[in-house]
Amino acid sequence: AKQFPNDIDSYCLGKEQFIKKIDMQAAKAVTTPNYTLAGA
């Protein structure tokens, strides 16, 4: 936010690698792959 105070695209791109890393770690840490919606 300090580096790109008015550039939301660059701000979001700057988070991508961190988010992808957490996505991988989170996917390996769980065993439930789906969401069950009642009444569907």
PDB file of all heavy atoms in Angstrom:
ATOM      1  N   ALA A   1       0.831  -1.214   0.000  1.00  0.00           N
ATOM      2  CA  ALA A   1       0.000   0.000   0.000  1.00  0.00           C
ATOM      3  C   ALA A   1       0.862   1.258   0.000  1.00  0.00           C
ATOM      4  O   ALA A   1       0.505   2.274  -0.602  1.00  0.00           O
ATOM      5  CB  ALA A   1      -0.936  -0.011   1.203  1.00  0.00           C
ATOM      6  N   LYS A   2       2.016   1.196   0.666  1.00  0.00           N
ATOM      7  CA  LYS A   2       2.944   2.327   0.638  1.00  0.00           C
ATOM      8  C   LYS A   2       3.619   2.453  -0.717  1.00  0.00           C
ATOM      9  O   LYS A   2       3.840   3.555  -1.227  1.00  0.00           O
ATOM     10  CB  LYS A   2       4.005   2.160   1.727  1.00  0.00           C
ATOM     11  CG  LYS A   2       3.490   2.331   3.140  1.00  0.00           C
ATOM     12  CD  LYS A   2       4.602   2.130   4.163  1.00  0.00           C
ATOM     13  CE  LYS A   2       4.096   2.268   5.588  1.00  0.00           C
ATOM     14  NZ  LYS A   2       5.172   2.024   6.586  1.00  0.00           N
ATOM     15  N   GLN A   3       3.956   1.304  -1.312  1.00  0.00           N
ATOM     16  CA  GLN A   3       4.647   1.309  -2.595  1.00  0.00           C
ATOM     17  C   GLN A   3       3.727   1.698  -3.746  1.00  0.00           C
ATOM     18  O   GLN A   3       4.134   2.392  -4.677  1.00  0.00           O
ATOM     19  CB  GLN A   3       5.237  -0.085  -2.855  1.00  0.00           C
ATOM     20  CG  GLN A   3       6.115  -0.165  -4.098  1.00  0.00           C
ATOM     21  CD  GLN A   3       6.723  -1.546  -4.274  1.00  0.00           C
ATOM     22  OE1 GLN A   3       6.533  -2.437  -3.433  1.00  0.00           O
ATOM     23  NE2 GLN A   3       7.443  -1.734  -5.352  1.00  0.00           N
ATOM     24  N   PHE A   4       2.460   1.246  -3.684  1.00  0.00           N
ATOM     25  CA  PHE A   4       1.493   1.522  -4.759  1.00  0.00           C
ATOM     26  C   PHE A   4       0.221   2.128  -4.158  1.00  0.00           C
ATOM     27  O   PHE A   4      -0.848   1.517  -4.185  1.00  0.00           O
ATOM     28  CB  PHE A   4       1.145   0.229  -5.502  1.00  0.00           C
ATOM     29  CG  PHE A   4       2.329  -0.543  -6.011  1.00  0.00           C
ATOM     30  CD1 PHE A   4       2.704  -1.734  -5.408  1.00  0.00           C
ATOM     31  CD2 PHE A   4       3.058  -0.078  -7.102  1.00  0.00           C
ATOM     32  CE1 PHE A   4       3.783  -2.459  -5.880  1.00  0.00           C
ATOM     33  CE2 PHE A   4       4.146  -0.799  -7.576  1.00  0.00           C
ATOM     34  CZ  PHE A   4       4.513  -1.995  -6.968  1.00  0.00           C
ATOM     35  N   PRO A   5       0.307   3.323  -3.596  1.00  0.00           N
ATOM     36  CA  PRO A   5      -0.840   3.884  -2.867  1.00  0.00           C
ATOM     37  C   PRO A   5      -2.080   4.120  -3.719  1.00  0.00           C
ATOM     38  O   PRO A   5      -3.192   4.150  -3.187  1.00  0.00           O
ATOM     39  CB  PRO A   5      -0.285   5.202  -2.311  1.00  0.00           C
ATOM     40  CG  PRO A   5       0.844   5.549  -3.221  1.00  0.00           C
ATOM     41  CD  PRO A   5       1.456   4.246  -3.610  1.00  0.00           C
ATOM     42  N   ASN A   6      -1.902   4.289  -5.038  1.00  0.00           N
ATOM     43  CA  ASN A   6      -3.042   4.570  -5.912  1.00  0.00           C
ATOM     44  C   ASN A   6      -3.141   3.595  -7.080  1.00  0.00           C
ATOM     45  O   ASN A   6      -3.802   3.883  -8.079  1.00  0.00           O
ATOM     46  CB  ASN A   6      -2.947   5.999  -6.457  1.00  0.00           C
ATOM     47  CG  ASN A   6      -2.889   7.035  -5.359  1.00  0.00           C
ATOM     48  OD1 ASN A   6      -1.823   7.581  -5.074  1.00  0.00           O
ATOM     49  ND2 ASN A   6      -4.018   7.292  -4.714  1.00  0.00           N
ATOM     50  N   ASP A   7      -2.473   2.453  -6.961  1.00  0.00           N
ATOM     51  CA  ASP A   7      -2.428   1.487  -8.064  1.00  0.00           C
ATOM     52  C   ASP A   7      -2.907   0.134  -7.550  1.00  0.00           C
ATOM     53  O   ASP A   7      -2.123  -0.697  -7.105  1.00  0.00           O
ATOM     54  CB  ASP A   7      -0.996   1.394  -8.597  1.00  0.00           C
ATOM     55  CG  ASP A   7      -0.877   0.511  -9.824  1.00  0.00           C
ATOM     56  OD1 ASP A   7      -1.869  -0.175 -10.172  1.00  0.00           O
ATOM     57  OD2 ASP A   7       0.208   0.492 -10.443  1.00  0.00           O
ATOM     58  N   ILE A   8      -4.225  -0.102  -7.645  1.00  0.00           N
ATOM     59  CA  ILE A   8      -4.793  -1.331  -7.094  1.00  0.00           C
ATOM     60  C   ILE A   8      -4.315  -2.561  -7.842  1.00  0.00           C
ATOM     61  O   ILE A   8      -4.148  -3.639  -7.250  1.00  0.00           O
ATOM     62  CB  ILE A   8      -6.343  -1.254  -7.092  1.00  0.00           C
ATOM     63  CG1 ILE A   8      -6.943  -2.438  -6.324  1.00  0.00           C
ATOM     64  CG2 ILE A   8      -6.879  -1.179  -8.506  1.00  0.00           C
ATOM     65  CD1 ILE A   8      -6.612  -2.469  -4.858  1.00  0.00           C
ATOM     66  N   ASP A   9      -4.071  -2.468  -9.161  1.00  0.00           N
ATOM     67  CA  ASP A   9      -3.611  -3.621  -9.929  1.00  0.00           C
ATOM     68  C   ASP A   9      -2.236  -4.087  -9.447  1.00  0.00           C
ATOM     69  O   ASP A   9      -2.005  -5.286  -9.237  1.00  0.00           O
ATOM     70  CB  ASP A   9      -3.560  -3.297 -11.427  1.00  0.00           C
ATOM     71  CG  ASP A   9      -4.950  -3.139 -12.032  1.00  0.00           C
ATOM     72  OD1 ASP A   9      -5.905  -3.684 -11.448  1.00  0.00           O
ATOM     73  OD2 ASP A   9      -5.076  -2.478 -13.069  1.00  0.00           O
ATOM     74  N   SER A  10      -1.305  -3.127  -9.273  1.00  0.00           N
ATOM     75  CA  SER A  10       0.036  -3.493  -8.799  1.00  0.00           C
ATOM     76  C   SER A  10      -0.015  -4.007  -7.370  1.00  0.00           C
ATOM     77  O   SER A  10       0.733  -4.928  -6.995  1.00  0.00           O
ATOM     78  CB  SER A  10       0.973  -2.282  -8.888  1.00  0.00           C
ATOM     79  OG  SER A  10       1.167  -1.900 -10.228  1.00  0.00           O
ATOM     80  N   TYR A  11      -0.891  -3.430  -6.563  1.00  0.00           N
ATOM     81  CA  TYR A  11      -1.073  -3.904  -5.186  1.00  0.00           C
ATOM     82  C   TYR A  11      -1.516  -5.370  -5.177  1.00  0.00           C
ATOM     83  O   TYR A  11      -0.951  -6.198  -4.452  1.00  0.00           O
ATOM     84  CB  TYR A  11      -2.108  -3.022  -4.479  1.00  0.00           C
ATOM     85  CG  TYR A  11      -2.570  -3.554  -3.143  1.00  0.00           C
ATOM     86  CD1 TYR A  11      -1.821  -3.338  -1.989  1.00  0.00           C
ATOM     87  CD2 TYR A  11      -3.760  -4.283  -3.037  1.00  0.00           C
ATOM     88  CE1 TYR A  11      -2.250  -3.829  -0.755  1.00  0.00           C
ATOM     89  CE2 TYR A  11      -4.192  -4.773  -1.818  1.00  0.00           C
ATOM     90  CZ  TYR A  11      -3.429  -4.552  -0.690  1.00  0.00           C
ATOM     91  OH  TYR A  11      -3.846  -5.048   0.526  1.00  0.00           O
ATOM     92  N   CYS A  12      -2.503  -5.700  -6.009  1.00  0.00           N
ATOM     93  CA  CYS A  12      -3.007  -7.081  -6.062  1.00  0.00           C
ATOM     94  C   CYS A  12      -1.964  -8.039  -6.620  1.00  0.00           C
ATOM     95  O   CYS A  12      -1.793  -9.156  -6.116  1.00  0.00           O
ATOM     96  CB  CYS A  12      -4.283  -7.143  -6.901  1.00  0.00           C
ATOM     97  SG  CYS A  12      -5.704  -6.328  -6.118  1.00  0.00           S
ATOM     98  N   LEU A  13      -1.240  -7.611  -7.651  1.00  0.00           N
ATOM     99  CA  LEU A  13      -0.193  -8.452  -8.220  1.00  0.00           C
ATOM    100  C   LEU A  13       0.905  -8.741  -7.194  1.00  0.00           C
ATOM    101  O   LEU A  13       1.470  -9.837  -7.160  1.00  0.00           O
ATOM    102  CB  LEU A  13       0.413  -7.789  -9.459  1.00  0.00           C
ATOM    103  CG  LEU A  13      -0.412  -7.855 -10.744  1.00  0.00           C
ATOM    104  CD1 LEU A  13       0.213  -6.974 -11.820  1.00  0.00           C
ATOM    105  CD2 LEU A  13      -0.526  -9.292 -11.244  1.00  0.00           C
ATOM    106  N   GLY A  14       1.180  -7.762  -6.348  1.00  0.00           N
ATOM    107  CA  GLY A  14       2.209  -7.937  -5.331  1.00  0.00           C
ATOM    108  C   GLY A  14       1.850  -8.988  -4.295  1.00  0.00           C
ATOM    109  O   GLY A  14       2.734  -9.546  -3.625  1.00  0.00           O
ATOM    110  N   LYS A  15       0.557  -9.295  -4.157  1.00  0.00           N
ATOM    111  CA  LYS A  15       0.116 -10.296  -3.179  1.00  0.00           C
ATOM    112  C   LYS A  15       0.049 -11.701  -3.766  1.00  0.00           C
ATOM    113  O   LYS A  15      -0.094 -12.671  -3.017  1.00  0.00           O
ATOM    114  CB  LYS A  15      -1.284  -9.930  -2.648  1.00  0.00           C
ATOM    115  CG  LYS A  15      -1.359  -8.627  -1.892  1.00  0.00           C
ATOM    116  CD  LYS A  15      -2.708  -8.499  -1.189  1.00  0.00           C
ATOM    117  CE  LYS A  15      -3.871  -8.494  -2.176  1.00  0.00           C
ATOM    118  NZ  LYS A  15      -5.178  -8.445  -1.496  1.00  0.00           N
ATOM    119  N   GLU A  16       0.131 -11.813  -5.094  1.00  0.00           N
ATOM    120  CA  GLU A  16      -0.173 -13.080  -5.759  1.00  0.00           C
ATOM    121  C   GLU A  16       0.680 -14.248  -5.285  1.00  0.00           C
ATOM    122  O   GLU A  16       0.173 -15.336  -5.019  1.00  0.00           O
ATOM    123  CB  GLU A  16      -0.056 -12.929  -7.285  1.00  0.00           C
ATOM    124  CG  GLU A  16      -1.318 -12.422  -7.924  1.00  0.00           C
ATOM    125  CD  GLU A  16      -1.321 -12.576  -9.424  1.00  0.00           C
ATOM    126  OE1 GLU A  16      -0.343 -13.103  -9.991  1.00  0.00           O
ATOM    127  OE2 GLU A  16      -2.311 -12.162 -10.041  1.00  0.00           O
ATOM    128  N   GLN A  17       1.994 -14.057  -5.206  1.00  0.00           N
ATOM    129  CA  GLN A  17       2.859 -15.164  -4.838  1.00  0.00           C
ATOM    130  C   GLN A  17       2.600 -15.633  -3.405  1.00  0.00           C
ATOM    131  O   GLN A  17       2.600 -16.832  -3.119  1.00  0.00           O
ATOM    132  CB  GLN A  17       4.332 -14.773  -5.023  1.00  0.00           C
ATOM    133  CG  GLN A  17       4.781 -14.726  -6.476  1.00  0.00           C
ATOM    134  CD  GLN A  17       4.517 -16.029  -7.211  1.00  0.00           C
ATOM    135  OE1 GLN A  17       4.854 -17.114  -6.724  1.00  0.00           O
ATOM    136  NE2 GLN A  17       3.900 -15.939  -8.369  1.00  0.00           N
ATOM    137  N   PHE A  18       2.374 -14.681  -2.501  1.00  0.00           N
ATOM    138  CA  PHE A  18       2.059 -15.054  -1.122  1.00  0.00           C
ATOM    139  C   PHE A  18       0.758 -15.851  -1.076  1.00  0.00           C
ATOM    140  O   PHE A  18       0.672 -16.894  -0.404  1.00  0.00           O
ATOM    141  CB  PHE A  18       1.944 -13.808  -0.244  1.00  0.00           C
ATOM    142  CG  PHE A  18       1.649 -14.113   1.203  1.00  0.00           C
ATOM    143  CD1 PHE A  18       2.682 -14.273   2.116  1.00  0.00           C
ATOM    144  CD2 PHE A  18       0.330 -14.247   1.647  1.00  0.00           C
ATOM    145  CE1 PHE A  18       2.406 -14.567   3.446  1.00  0.00           C
ATOM    146  CE2 PHE A  18       0.064 -14.543   2.976  1.00  0.00           C
ATOM    147  CZ  PHE A  18       1.101 -14.698   3.876  1.00  0.00           C
ATOM    148  N   ILE A  19      -0.255 -15.374  -1.798  1.00  0.00           N
ATOM    149  CA  ILE A  19      -1.557 -16.040  -1.800  1.00  0.00           C
ATOM    150  C   ILE A  19      -1.453 -17.442  -2.386  1.00  0.00           C
ATOM    151  O   ILE A  19      -2.016 -18.404  -1.856  1.00  0.00           O
ATOM    152  CB  ILE A  19      -2.585 -15.188  -2.569  1.00  0.00           C
ATOM    153  CG1 ILE A  19      -2.920 -13.922  -1.765  1.00  0.00           C
ATOM    154  CG2 ILE A  19      -3.855 -15.982  -2.863  1.00  0.00           C
ATOM    155  CD1 ILE A  19      -3.788 -12.925  -2.500  1.00  0.00           C
ATOM    156  N   LYS A  20      -0.692 -17.578  -3.479  1.00  0.00           N
ATOM    157  CA  LYS A  20      -0.541 -18.895  -4.099  1.00  0.00           C
ATOM    158  C   LYS A  20       0.156 -19.856  -3.141  1.00  0.00           C
ATOM    159  O   LYS A  20      -0.209 -21.036  -3.038  1.00  0.00           O
ATOM    160  CB  LYS A  20       0.251 -18.778  -5.405  1.00  0.00           C
ATOM    161  CG  LYS A  20       0.219 -20.038  -6.261  1.00  0.00           C
ATOM    162  CD  LYS A  20       0.686 -19.750  -7.681  1.00  0.00           C
ATOM    163  CE  LYS A  20       0.409 -20.925  -8.601  1.00  0.00           C
ATOM    164  NZ  LYS A  20       0.668 -20.625 -10.011  1.00  0.00           N
ATOM    165  N   LYS A  21       1.137 -19.359  -2.407  1.00  0.00           N
ATOM    166  CA  LYS A  21       1.856 -20.192  -1.446  1.00  0.00           C
ATOM    167  C   LYS A  21       0.918 -20.658  -0.331  1.00  0.00           C
ATOM    168  O   LYS A  21       0.931 -21.837   0.060  1.00  0.00           O
ATOM    169  CB  LYS A  21       3.029 -19.399  -0.855  1.00  0.00           C
ATOM    170  CG  LYS A  21       3.895 -20.190   0.102  1.00  0.00           C
ATOM    171  CD  LYS A  21       5.060 -19.331   0.598  1.00  0.00           C
ATOM    172  CE  LYS A  21       5.931 -20.094   1.605  1.00  0.00           C
ATOM    173  NZ  LYS A  21       7.055 -19.248   2.096  1.00  0.00           N
ATOM    174  N   ILE A  22       0.091 -19.748   0.174  1.00  0.00           N
ATOM    175  CA  ILE A  22      -0.864 -20.111   1.222  1.00  0.00           C
ATOM    176  C   ILE A  22      -1.918 -21.063   0.675  1.00  0.00           C
ATOM    177  O   ILE A  22      -2.329 -22.021   1.350  1.00  0.00           O
ATOM    178  CB  ILE A  22      -1.531 -18.856   1.818  1.00  0.00           C
ATOM    179  CG1 ILE A  22      -0.485 -17.982   2.509  1.00  0.00           C
ATOM    180  CG2 ILE A  22      -2.638 -19.248   2.799  1.00  0.00           C
ATOM    181  CD1 ILE A  22       0.227 -18.651   3.663  1.00  0.00           C
ATOM    182  N   ASP A  23      -2.376 -20.824  -0.559  1.00  0.00           N
ATOM    183  CA  ASP A  23      -3.343 -21.735  -1.182  1.00  0.00           C
ATOM    184  C   ASP A  23      -2.803 -23.167  -1.202  1.00  0.00           C
ATOM    185  O   ASP A  23      -3.523 -24.125  -0.907  1.00  0.00           O
ATOM    186  CB  ASP A  23      -3.653 -21.288  -2.614  1.00  0.00           C
ATOM    187  CG  ASP A  23      -4.642 -20.137  -2.678  1.00  0.00           C
ATOM    188  OD1 ASP A  23      -5.366 -19.929  -1.688  1.00  0.00           O
ATOM    189  OD2 ASP A  23      -4.694 -19.454  -3.719  1.00  0.00           O
ATOM    190  N   MET A  24      -1.531 -23.326  -1.571  1.00  0.00           N
ATOM    191  CA  MET A  24      -0.915 -24.642  -1.626  1.00  0.00           C
ATOM    192  C   MET A  24      -0.837 -25.264  -0.231  1.00  0.00           C
ATOM    193  O   MET A  24      -1.190 -26.429  -0.032  1.00  0.00           O
ATOM    194  CB  MET A  24       0.486 -24.549  -2.230  1.00  0.00           C
ATOM    195  CG  MET A  24       0.509 -24.458  -3.744  1.00  0.00           C
ATOM    196  SD  MET A  24      -0.011 -26.004  -4.522  1.00  0.00           S
ATOM    197  CE  MET A  24       1.355 -27.080  -4.091  1.00  0.00           C
ATOM    198  N   GLN A  25      -0.381 -24.484   0.730  1.00  0.00           N
ATOM    199  CA  GLN A  25      -0.251 -25.003   2.095  1.00  0.00           C
ATOM    200  C   GLN A  25      -1.621 -25.363   2.679  1.00  0.00           C
ATOM    201  O   GLN A  25      -1.766 -26.380   3.353  1.00  0.00           O
ATOM    202  CB  GLN A  25       0.461 -23.971   2.970  1.00  0.00           C
ATOM    203  CG  GLN A  25       1.910 -23.750   2.576  1.00  0.00           C
ATOM    204  CD  GLN A  25       2.544 -22.567   3.300  1.00  0.00           C
ATOM    205  OE1 GLN A  25       1.850 -21.744   3.886  1.00  0.00           O
ATOM    206  NE2 GLN A  25       3.869 -22.479   3.252  1.00  0.00           N
ATOM    207  N   ALA A  26      -2.609 -24.530   2.397  1.00  0.00           N
ATOM    208  CA  ALA A  26      -3.958 -24.777   2.905  1.00  0.00           C
ATOM    209  C   ALA A  26      -4.559 -26.027   2.268  1.00  0.00           C
ATOM    210  O   ALA A  26      -5.236 -26.819   2.937  1.00  0.00           O
ATOM    211  CB  ALA A  26      -4.844 -23.565   2.649  1.00  0.00           C
ATOM    212  N   ALA A  27      -4.317 -26.209   0.964  1.00  0.00           N
ATOM    213  CA  ALA A  27      -4.856 -27.376   0.262  1.00  0.00           C
ATOM    214  C   ALA A  27      -4.246 -28.668   0.783  1.00  0.00           C
ATOM    215  O   ALA A  27      -4.911 -29.708   0.847  1.00  0.00           O
ATOM    216  CB  ALA A  27      -4.611 -27.242  -1.235  1.00  0.00           C
ATOM    217  N   LYS A  28      -2.975 -28.618   1.162  1.00  0.00           N
ATOM    218  CA  LYS A  28      -2.306 -29.819   1.681  1.00  0.00           C
ATOM    219  C   LYS A  28      -2.683 -30.097   3.138  1.00  0.00           C
ATOM    220  O   LYS A  28      -2.503 -31.218   3.619  1.00  0.00           O
ATOM    221  CB  LYS A  28      -0.788 -29.651   1.572  1.00  0.00           C
ATOM    222  CG  LYS A  28      -0.280 -29.677   0.127  1.00  0.00           C
ATOM    223  CD  LYS A  28       1.222 -29.461   0.061  1.00  0.00           C
ATOM    224  CE  LYS A  28       1.719 -29.515  -1.384  1.00  0.00           C
ATOM    225  NZ  LYS A  28       3.185 -29.280  -1.470  1.00  0.00           N
ATOM    226  N   ALA A  29      -3.220 -29.091   3.812  1.00  0.00           N
ATOM    227  CA  ALA A  29      -3.506 -29.239   5.245  1.00  0.00           C
ATOM    228  C   ALA A  29      -4.912 -29.758   5.522  1.00  0.00           C
ATOM    229  O   ALA A  29      -5.223 -30.104   6.657  1.00  0.00           O
ATOM    230  CB  ALA A  29      -3.321 -27.896   5.949  1.00  0.00           C
ATOM    231  N   VAL A  30      -5.771 -29.830   4.486  1.00  0.00           N
ATOM    232  CA  VAL A  30      -7.154 -30.260   4.707  1.00  0.00           C
ATOM    233  C   VAL A  30      -7.450 -31.541   3.943  1.00  0.00           C
ATOM    234  O   VAL A  30      -6.725 -31.926   3.028  1.00  0.00           O
ATOM    235  CB  VAL A  30      -8.155 -29.166   4.276  1.00  0.00           C
ATOM    236  CG1 VAL A  30      -7.908 -27.886   5.044  1.00  0.00           C
ATOM    237  CG2 VAL A  30      -8.065 -28.910   2.776  1.00  0.00           C
ATOM    238  N   THR A  31      -8.531 -32.198   4.329  1.00  0.00           N
ATOM    239  CA  THR A  31      -8.950 -33.418   3.643  1.00  0.00           C
ATOM    240  C   THR A  31     -10.319 -33.275   2.992  1.00  0.00           C
ATOM    241  O   THR A  31     -10.731 -34.136   2.228  1.00  0.00           O
ATOM    242  CB  THR A  31      -9.006 -34.597   4.636  1.00  0.00           C
ATOM    243  OG1 THR A  31      -9.883 -34.261   5.727  1.00  0.00           O
ATOM    244  CG2 THR A  31      -7.616 -34.900   5.190  1.00  0.00           C
ATOM    245  N   THR A  32     -11.039 -32.197   3.298  1.00  0.00           N
ATOM    246  CA  THR A  32     -12.382 -31.994   2.738  1.00  0.00           C
ATOM    247  C   THR A  32     -12.299 -31.119   1.499  1.00  0.00           C
ATOM    248  O   THR A  32     -11.984 -29.935   1.591  1.00  0.00           O
ATOM    249  CB  THR A  32     -13.307 -31.328   3.778  1.00  0.00           C
ATOM    250  OG1 THR A  32     -13.311 -32.117   4.962  1.00  0.00           O
ATOM    251  CG2 THR A  32     -14.723 -31.232   3.233  1.00  0.00           C
ATOM    252  N   PRO A  33     -12.600 -31.678   0.308  1.00  0.00           N
ATOM    253  CA  PRO A  33     -12.410 -30.908  -0.920  1.00  0.00           C
ATOM    254  C   PRO A  33     -13.619 -30.117  -1.387  1.00  0.00           C
ATOM    255  O   PRO A  33     -13.514 -29.334  -2.313  1.00  0.00           O
ATOM    256  CB  PRO A  33     -12.075 -32.001  -1.940  1.00  0.00           C
ATOM    257  CG  PRO A  33     -12.849 -33.191  -1.467  1.00  0.00           C
ATOM    258  CD  PRO A  33     -12.901 -33.089   0.042  1.00  0.00           C
ATOM    259  N   ASN A  34     -14.793 -30.333  -0.779  1.00  0.00           N
ATOM    260  CA  ASN A  34     -15.976 -29.711  -1.362  1.00  0.00           C
ATOM    261  C   ASN A  34     -16.841 -29.030  -0.315  1.00  0.00           C
ATOM    262  O   ASN A  34     -16.669 -29.205   0.887  1.00  0.00           O
ATOM    263  CB  ASN A  34     -16.809 -30.758  -2.106  1.00  0.00           C
ATOM    264  CG  ASN A  34     -17.446 -31.757  -1.150  1.00  0.00           C
ATOM    265  OD1 ASN A  34     -16.872 -32.101  -0.130  1.00  0.00           O
ATOM    266  ND2 ASN A  34     -18.632 -32.233  -1.481  1.00  0.00           N
ATOM    267  N   TYR A  35     -17.799 -28.264  -0.809  1.00  0.00           N
ATOM    268  CA  TYR A  35     -18.779 -27.590   0.044  1.00  0.00           C
ATOM    269  C   TYR A  35     -20.143 -28.185  -0.296  1.00  0.00           C
ATOM    270  O   TYR A  35     -20.526 -28.235  -1.471  1.00  0.00           O
ATOM    271  CB  TYR A  35     -18.774 -26.087  -0.218  1.00  0.00           C
ATOM    272  CG  TYR A  35     -19.638 -25.301   0.734  1.00  0.00           C
ATOM    273  CD1 TYR A  35     -19.101 -24.755   1.882  1.00  0.00           C
ATOM    274  CD2 TYR A  35     -20.997 -25.121   0.493  1.00  0.00           C
ATOM    275  CE1 TYR A  35     -19.882 -24.035   2.777  1.00  0.00           C
ATOM    276  CE2 TYR A  35     -21.785 -24.412   1.375  1.00  0.00           C
ATOM    277  CZ  TYR A  35     -21.232 -23.864   2.514  1.00  0.00           C
ATOM    278  OH  TYR A  35     -22.014 -23.157   3.398  1.00  0.00           O
ATOM    279  N   THR A  36     -20.869 -28.646   0.688  1.00  0.00           N
ATOM    280  CA  THR A  36     -22.182 -29.247   0.447  1.00  0.00           C
ATOM    281  C   THR A  36     -23.268 -28.223   0.739  1.00  0.00           C
ATOM    282  O   THR A  36     -23.376 -27.707   1.846  1.00  0.00           O
ATOM    283  CB  THR A  36     -22.379 -30.492   1.333  1.00  0.00           C
ATOM    284  OG1 THR A  36     -21.330 -31.427   1.061  1.00  0.00           O
ATOM    285  CG2 THR A  36     -23.717 -31.139   1.026  1.00  0.00           C
ATOM    286  N   LEU A  37     -24.083 -27.958  -0.277  1.00  0.00           N
ATOM    287  CA  LEU A  37     -25.164 -26.982  -0.160  1.00  0.00           C
ATOM    288  C   LEU A  37     -26.476 -27.723   0.038  1.00  0.00           C
ATOM    289  O   LEU A  37     -26.902 -28.510  -0.813  1.00  0.00           O
ATOM    290  CB  LEU A  37     -25.215 -26.119  -1.423  1.00  0.00           C
ATOM    291  CG  LEU A  37     -26.249 -24.993  -1.459  1.00  0.00           C
ATOM    292  CD1 LEU A  37     -25.937 -23.952  -0.390  1.00  0.00           C
ATOM    293  CD2 LEU A  37     -26.272 -24.343  -2.830  1.00  0.00           C
ATOM    294  N   ALA A  38     -27.123 -27.472   1.157  1.00  0.00           N
ATOM    295  CA  ALA A  38     -28.374 -28.159   1.474  1.00  0.00           C
ATOM    296  C   ALA A  38     -29.485 -27.766   0.510  1.00  0.00           C
ATOM    297  O   ALA A  38     -29.619 -26.602   0.133  1.00  0.00           O
ATOM    298  CB  ALA A  38     -28.785 -27.841   2.916  1.00  0.00           C
ATOM    299  N   GLY A  39     -30.278 -28.753   0.098  1.00  0.00           N
ATOM    300  CA  GLY A  39     -31.452 -28.487  -0.735  1.00  0.00           C
ATOM    301  C   GLY A  39     -31.168 -28.235  -2.193  1.00  0.00           C
ATOM    302  O   GLY A  39     -32.069 -27.869  -2.950  1.00  0.00           O
ATOM    303  N   ALA A  40     -29.922 -28.447  -2.643  1.00  0.00           N
ATOM    304  CA  ALA A  40     -29.562 -28.165  -4.036  1.00  0.00           C
ATOM    305  C   ALA A  40     -29.818 -29.392  -4.912  1.00  0.00           C
ATOM    306  O   ALA A  40     -29.459 -30.508  -4.549  1.00  0.00           O
ATOM    307  CB  ALA A  40     -28.106 -27.756  -4.127  1.00  0.00           C
TER     308      ALA A  40
END
